[in-house]
Amino acid sequence: ANHRRACYRQPLTSTLSKAASMPEICRFYGIIIAMYYNDHAPAHFHAKYTSNKATIAIATGDVIQGSLPRRALRLVNEWRTLHEVELQAAWDDVMARQPMKHIEPLE
């Protein structure tokens, strides 16, 4: 199996607190994409690559907080553009405390 492109969804815990649960919605090229339950607006996701972390706005791709290396950020924004509708649906699920569906990785 090609693990660098595989998407995984971490099982939800019984407590959907920010500290306890940040389910992964996708993983590609060493980049992990996740969303917290009980998070704040604007609609966003979290991207982690090695020791770098960034909070990315779904609608614009703007970095709200943190940073990623240039290449990783370019890949994340390419993926975000392709899956913007699915990301917004995942955000809506998170806000409603519903399970999220995984999103296909960047090929």
C-alpha atoms as a PDB file:
ATOM      1  CA  ALA A   1       0.000   0.000   0.000  1.00  0.00           C
ATOM      2  CA  ASN A   2       1.153   3.506  -0.717  1.00  0.00           C
ATOM      3  CA  HIS A   3       1.100   5.051   2.760  1.00  0.00           C
ATOM      4  CA  ARG A   4       2.298   8.509   1.800  1.00  0.00           C
ATOM      5  CA  ARG A   5      -0.906   9.145  -0.160  1.00  0.00           C
ATOM      6  CA  ALA A   6      -3.332   7.158   1.964  1.00  0.00           C
ATOM      7  CA  CYS A   7      -6.119   8.924   3.834  1.00  0.00           C
ATOM      8  CA  TYR A   8      -6.902   7.792   7.323  1.00  0.00           C
ATOM      9  CA  ARG A   9      -9.621   8.812   9.694  1.00  0.00           C
ATOM     10  CA  GLN A  10      -8.767   8.519  13.332  1.00  0.00           C
ATOM     11  CA  PRO A  11     -11.580   6.953  15.424  1.00  0.00           C
ATOM     12  CA  LEU A  12     -13.633   9.479  17.333  1.00  0.00           C
ATOM     13  CA  THR A  13     -13.381   9.426  21.079  1.00  0.00           C
ATOM     14  CA  SER A  14     -16.458   9.543  23.290  1.00  0.00           C
ATOM     15  CA  THR A  15     -15.465  13.049  24.309  1.00  0.00           C
ATOM     16  CA  LEU A  16     -15.525  15.401  21.373  1.00  0.00           C
ATOM     17  CA  SER A  17     -13.381  18.004  23.083  1.00  0.00           C
ATOM     18  CA  LYS A  18     -10.710  19.989  21.302  1.00  0.00           C
ATOM     19  CA  ALA A  19      -8.024  18.525  23.537  1.00  0.00           C
ATOM     20  CA  ALA A  20      -9.162  14.944  23.090  1.00  0.00           C
ATOM     21  CA  SER A  21     -10.021  14.724  19.421  1.00  0.00           C
ATOM     22  CA  MET A  22      -8.560  16.047  16.214  1.00  0.00           C
ATOM     23  CA  PRO A  23      -9.657  13.505  13.596  1.00  0.00           C
ATOM     24  CA  GLU A  24      -7.544  13.274  10.493  1.00  0.00           C
ATOM     25  CA  ILE A  25      -9.483  13.771   7.307  1.00  0.00           C
ATOM     26  CA  CYS A  26      -6.585  13.234   4.915  1.00  0.00           C
ATOM     27  CA  ARG A  27      -2.891  12.484   4.688  1.00  0.00           C
ATOM     28  CA  PHE A  28      -0.676  12.973   1.632  1.00  0.00           C
ATOM     29  CA  TYR A  29       3.042  13.457   0.985  1.00  0.00           C
ATOM     30  CA  GLY A  30       3.706  13.477   4.729  1.00  0.00           C
ATOM     31  CA  ILE A  31       1.127  16.229   5.343  1.00  0.00           C
ATOM     32  CA  ILE A  32      -1.639  15.507   7.852  1.00  0.00           C
ATOM     33  CA  ILE A  33      -4.949  17.357   7.472  1.00  0.00           C
ATOM     34  CA  ALA A  34      -7.316  17.432  10.462  1.00  0.00           C
ATOM     35  CA  MET A  35     -10.145  19.372  12.072  1.00  0.00           C
ATOM     36  CA  TYR A  36     -10.971  19.905  15.723  1.00  0.00           C
ATOM     37  CA  TYR A  37     -14.425  19.438  17.156  1.00  0.00           C
ATOM     38  CA  ASN A  38     -15.674  22.531  19.047  1.00  0.00           C
ATOM     39  CA  ASP A  39     -13.358  24.807  17.043  1.00  0.00           C
ATOM     40  CA  HIS A  40     -13.841  28.494  16.240  1.00  0.00           C
ATOM     41  CA  ALA A  41     -14.817  30.377  13.083  1.00  0.00           C
ATOM     42  CA  PRO A  42     -13.808  31.067  10.365  1.00  0.00           C
ATOM     43  CA  ALA A  43     -14.114  27.658   8.709  1.00  0.00           C
ATOM     44  CA  HIS A  44     -10.612  26.163   8.633  1.00  0.00           C
ATOM     45  CA  PHE A  45      -8.510  23.028   8.904  1.00  0.00           C
ATOM     46  CA  HIS A  46      -5.180  22.200  10.484  1.00  0.00           C
ATOM     47  CA  ALA A  47      -2.204  21.024   8.427  1.00  0.00           C
ATOM     48  CA  LYS A  48       0.879  19.446   9.956  1.00  0.00           C
ATOM     49  CA  TYR A  49       4.098  18.671   8.126  1.00  0.00           C
ATOM     50  CA  THR A  50       7.095  17.444  10.142  1.00  0.00           C
ATOM     51  CA  SER A  51       7.312  19.860  13.099  1.00  0.00           C
ATOM     52  CA  ASN A  52       5.430  22.625  11.250  1.00  0.00           C
ATOM     53  CA  LYS A  53       1.747  23.348  11.837  1.00  0.00           C
ATOM     54  CA  ALA A  54      -0.635  25.799  10.212  1.00  0.00           C
ATOM     55  CA  THR A  55      -4.298  26.686  10.456  1.00  0.00           C
ATOM     56  CA  ILE A  56      -5.680  27.273   6.944  1.00  0.00           C
ATOM     57  CA  ALA A  57      -8.924  29.055   5.968  1.00  0.00           C
ATOM     58  CA  ILE A  58     -11.094  26.790   3.802  1.00  0.00           C
ATOM     59  CA  ALA A  59     -12.511  29.562   1.603  1.00  0.00           C
ATOM     60  CA  THR A  60      -9.307  31.464   0.864  1.00  0.00           C
ATOM     61  CA  GLY A  61      -6.325  29.248   1.698  1.00  0.00           C
ATOM     62  CA  ASP A  62      -4.969  32.015   3.913  1.00  0.00           C
ATOM     63  CA  VAL A  63      -2.754  30.905   6.797  1.00  0.00           C
ATOM     64  CA  ILE A  64      -4.615  31.974   9.943  1.00  0.00           C
ATOM     65  CA  GLN A  65      -1.915  30.802  12.331  1.00  0.00           C
ATOM     66  CA  GLY A  66       1.424  29.006  12.174  1.00  0.00           C
ATOM     67  CA  SER A  67       3.424  28.206   9.058  1.00  0.00           C
ATOM     68  CA  LEU A  68       4.411  25.454   6.662  1.00  0.00           C
ATOM     69  CA  PRO A  69       7.398  25.190   4.324  1.00  0.00           C
ATOM     70  CA  ARG A  70       6.630  26.790   0.945  1.00  0.00           C
ATOM     71  CA  ARG A  71       6.348  23.475  -0.945  1.00  0.00           C
ATOM     72  CA  ALA A  72       4.054  21.925   1.684  1.00  0.00           C
ATOM     73  CA  LEU A  73       1.828  25.012   1.708  1.00  0.00           C
ATOM     74  CA  ARG A  74       1.606  24.918  -2.091  1.00  0.00           C
ATOM     75  CA  LEU A  75       0.531  21.245  -1.959  1.00  0.00           C
ATOM     76  CA  VAL A  76      -2.002  21.946   0.801  1.00  0.00           C
ATOM     77  CA  ASN A  77      -3.538  24.805  -1.175  1.00  0.00           C
ATOM     78  CA  GLU A  78      -3.649  22.737  -4.355  1.00  0.00           C
ATOM     79  CA  TRP A  79      -5.507  20.021  -2.397  1.00  0.00           C
ATOM     80  CA  ARG A  80      -7.753  22.624  -0.688  1.00  0.00           C
ATOM     81  CA  THR A  81      -8.779  24.094  -4.041  1.00  0.00           C
ATOM     82  CA  LEU A  82      -9.697  20.647  -5.408  1.00  0.00           C
ATOM     83  CA  HIS A  83     -11.711  19.720  -2.293  1.00  0.00           C
ATOM     84  CA  GLU A  84     -13.161  23.029  -1.088  1.00  0.00           C
ATOM     85  CA  VAL A  85     -16.787  21.790  -1.188  1.00  0.00           C
ATOM     86  CA  GLU A  86     -15.876  18.621   0.734  1.00  0.00           C
ATOM     87  CA  LEU A  87     -13.860  20.633   3.263  1.00  0.00           C
ATOM     88  CA  GLN A  88     -16.814  22.942   3.894  1.00  0.00           C
ATOM     89  CA  ALA A  89     -19.060  19.880   4.363  1.00  0.00           C
ATOM     90  CA  ALA A  90     -16.529  18.438   6.828  1.00  0.00           C
ATOM     91  CA  TRP A  91     -16.497  21.773   8.696  1.00  0.00           C
ATOM     92  CA  ASP A  92     -20.314  21.717   8.852  1.00  0.00           C
ATOM     93  CA  ASP A  93     -20.154  18.146  10.225  1.00  0.00           C
ATOM     94  CA  VAL A  94     -17.620  19.205  12.861  1.00  0.00           C
ATOM     95  CA  MET A  95     -19.751  22.147  13.957  1.00  0.00           C
ATOM     96  CA  ALA A  96     -22.766  19.795  14.246  1.00  0.00           C
ATOM     97  CA  ARG A  97     -20.583  17.276  16.142  1.00  0.00           C
ATOM     98  CA  GLN A  98     -21.154  14.673  13.443  1.00  0.00           C
ATOM     99  CA  PRO A  99     -18.578  12.171  12.153  1.00  0.00           C
ATOM    100  CA  MET A 100     -16.507  13.489   9.259  1.00  0.00           C
ATOM    101  CA  LYS A 101     -15.906  11.675   6.012  1.00  0.00           C
ATOM    102  CA  HIS A 102     -12.331  11.332   4.801  1.00  0.00           C
ATOM    103  CA  ILE A 103     -11.307  13.344   1.765  1.00  0.00           C
ATOM    104  CA  GLU A 104      -9.232  11.901  -1.043  1.00  0.00           C
ATOM    105  CA  PRO A 105      -5.520  12.784  -1.010  1.00  0.00           C
ATOM    106  CA  LEU A 106      -3.625  14.813  -3.555  1.00  0.00           C
ATOM    107  CA  GLU A 107      -2.375  12.464  -6.268  1.00  0.00           C
END
